[in-house]
Amino acid sequence: MASVKPITLQLWRWWLDLGRLWKIQLTCETTAPLILSKDWVDRL
Protein backbone atom coordinates (compact mmCIF):
# COMPACT_ATOMS: atom_id res chain seq x y z
CA MET A 1 0.00 0.00 0.00
CA ALA A 2 2.86 2.39 0.83
CA SER A 3 4.31 2.06 -2.69
CA VAL A 4 0.91 2.67 -4.29
CA LYS A 5 0.23 5.94 -2.48
CA PRO A 6 2.90 8.15 -4.16
CA ILE A 7 1.79 6.92 -7.60
CA THR A 8 -1.84 7.70 -6.76
CA LEU A 9 -0.94 11.19 -5.55
CA GLN A 10 1.14 11.81 -8.66
CA LEU A 11 -1.72 10.67 -10.90
CA TRP A 12 -4.18 12.76 -8.91
CA ARG A 13 -2.04 15.89 -9.31
CA TRP A 14 -1.62 15.18 -13.02
CA TRP A 15 -5.37 14.61 -13.32
CA LEU A 16 -6.12 17.93 -11.57
CA ASP A 17 -3.68 19.79 -13.83
CA LEU A 18 -5.25 18.16 -16.87
CA GLY A 19 -8.69 18.98 -15.47
CA ARG A 20 -7.83 22.68 -15.22
CA LEU A 21 -6.82 22.77 -18.87
CA TRP A 22 -9.87 20.78 -19.96
CA LYS A 23 -12.19 22.88 -17.80
CA ILE A 24 -11.34 25.99 -19.80
CA GLN A 25 -11.85 24.21 -23.13
CA LEU A 26 -14.98 22.35 -22.03
CA THR A 27 -16.52 25.52 -20.59
CA CYS A 28 -16.06 27.23 -23.96
CA GLU A 29 -17.36 24.20 -25.88
CA THR A 30 -20.38 23.56 -23.65
CA THR A 31 -21.54 27.11 -22.87
CA ALA A 32 -21.51 28.29 -26.49
CA PRO A 33 -23.90 25.54 -27.74
CA LEU A 34 -26.05 25.95 -24.62
CA ILE A 35 -26.38 29.69 -25.21
CA LEU A 36 -27.13 29.07 -28.89
CA SER A 37 -29.67 26.31 -28.15
CA LYS A 38 -31.29 28.40 -25.41
CA ASP A 39 -31.60 31.32 -27.82
CA TRP A 40 -33.07 28.94 -30.41
CA VAL A 41 -35.55 27.52 -27.88
CA ASP A 42 -36.61 31.03 -26.84
CA ARG A 43 -37.39 31.87 -30.47
CA LEU A 44 -39.73 28.88 -30.69
C-alpha atoms as a PDB file:
ATOM      1  CA  MET A   1       0.000   0.000   0.000  1.00  0.00           C
ATOM      2  CA  ALA A   2       2.856   2.388   0.827  1.00  0.00           C
ATOM      3  CA  SER A   3       4.311   2.055  -2.686  1.00  0.00           C
ATOM      4  CA  VAL A   4       0.913   2.666  -4.288  1.00  0.00           C
ATOM      5  CA  LYS A   5       0.226   5.941  -2.479  1.00  0.00           C
ATOM      6  CA  PRO A   6       2.900   8.148  -4.162  1.00  0.00           C
ATOM      7  CA  ILE A   7       1.787   6.921  -7.599  1.00  0.00           C
ATOM      8  CA  THR A   8      -1.843   7.697  -6.758  1.00  0.00           C
ATOM      9  CA  LEU A   9      -0.936  11.190  -5.548  1.00  0.00           C
ATOM     10  CA  GLN A  10       1.141  11.814  -8.660  1.00  0.00           C
ATOM     11  CA  LEU A  11      -1.722  10.666 -10.901  1.00  0.00           C
ATOM     12  CA  TRP A  12      -4.182  12.764  -8.907  1.00  0.00           C
ATOM     13  CA  ARG A  13      -2.038  15.894  -9.309  1.00  0.00           C
ATOM     14  CA  TRP A  14      -1.618  15.181 -13.024  1.00  0.00           C
ATOM     15  CA  TRP A  15      -5.365  14.610 -13.322  1.00  0.00           C
ATOM     16  CA  LEU A  16      -6.121  17.931 -11.573  1.00  0.00           C
ATOM     17  CA  ASP A  17      -3.684  19.792 -13.835  1.00  0.00           C
ATOM     18  CA  LEU A  18      -5.252  18.162 -16.868  1.00  0.00           C
ATOM     19  CA  GLY A  19      -8.692  18.984 -15.473  1.00  0.00           C
ATOM     20  CA  ARG A  20      -7.833  22.675 -15.219  1.00  0.00           C
ATOM     21  CA  LEU A  21      -6.821  22.765 -18.874  1.00  0.00           C
ATOM     22  CA  TRP A  22      -9.874  20.779 -19.962  1.00  0.00           C
ATOM     23  CA  LYS A  23     -12.187  22.877 -17.800  1.00  0.00           C
ATOM     24  CA  ILE A  24     -11.338  25.989 -19.805  1.00  0.00           C
ATOM     25  CA  GLN A  25     -11.851  24.213 -23.129  1.00  0.00           C
ATOM     26  CA  LEU A  26     -14.980  22.347 -22.025  1.00  0.00           C
ATOM     27  CA  THR A  27     -16.519  25.516 -20.594  1.00  0.00           C
ATOM     28  CA  CYS A  28     -16.060  27.230 -23.964  1.00  0.00           C
ATOM     29  CA  GLU A  29     -17.358  24.201 -25.876  1.00  0.00           C
ATOM     30  CA  THR A  30     -20.384  23.561 -23.653  1.00  0.00           C
ATOM     31  CA  THR A  31     -21.539  27.107 -22.866  1.00  0.00           C
ATOM     32  CA  ALA A  32     -21.510  28.288 -26.486  1.00  0.00           C
ATOM     33  CA  PRO A  33     -23.904  25.537 -27.740  1.00  0.00           C
ATOM     34  CA  LEU A  34     -26.046  25.953 -24.618  1.00  0.00           C
ATOM     35  CA  ILE A  35     -26.383  29.694 -25.208  1.00  0.00           C
ATOM     36  CA  LEU A  36     -27.130  29.066 -28.891  1.00  0.00           C
ATOM     37  CA  SER A  37     -29.667  26.314 -28.150  1.00  0.00           C
ATOM     38  CA  LYS A  38     -31.287  28.400 -25.408  1.00  0.00           C
ATOM     39  CA  ASP A  39     -31.598  31.317 -27.824  1.00  0.00           C
ATOM     40  CA  TRP A  40     -33.066  28.942 -30.411  1.00  0.00           C
ATOM     41  CA  VAL A  41     -35.553  27.517 -27.883  1.00  0.00           C
ATOM     42  CA  ASP A  42     -36.609  31.031 -26.839  1.00  0.00           C
ATOM     43  CA  ARG A  43     -37.394  31.872 -30.471  1.00  0.00           C
ATOM     44  CA  LEU A  44     -39.727  28.882 -30.686  1.00  0.00           C
END
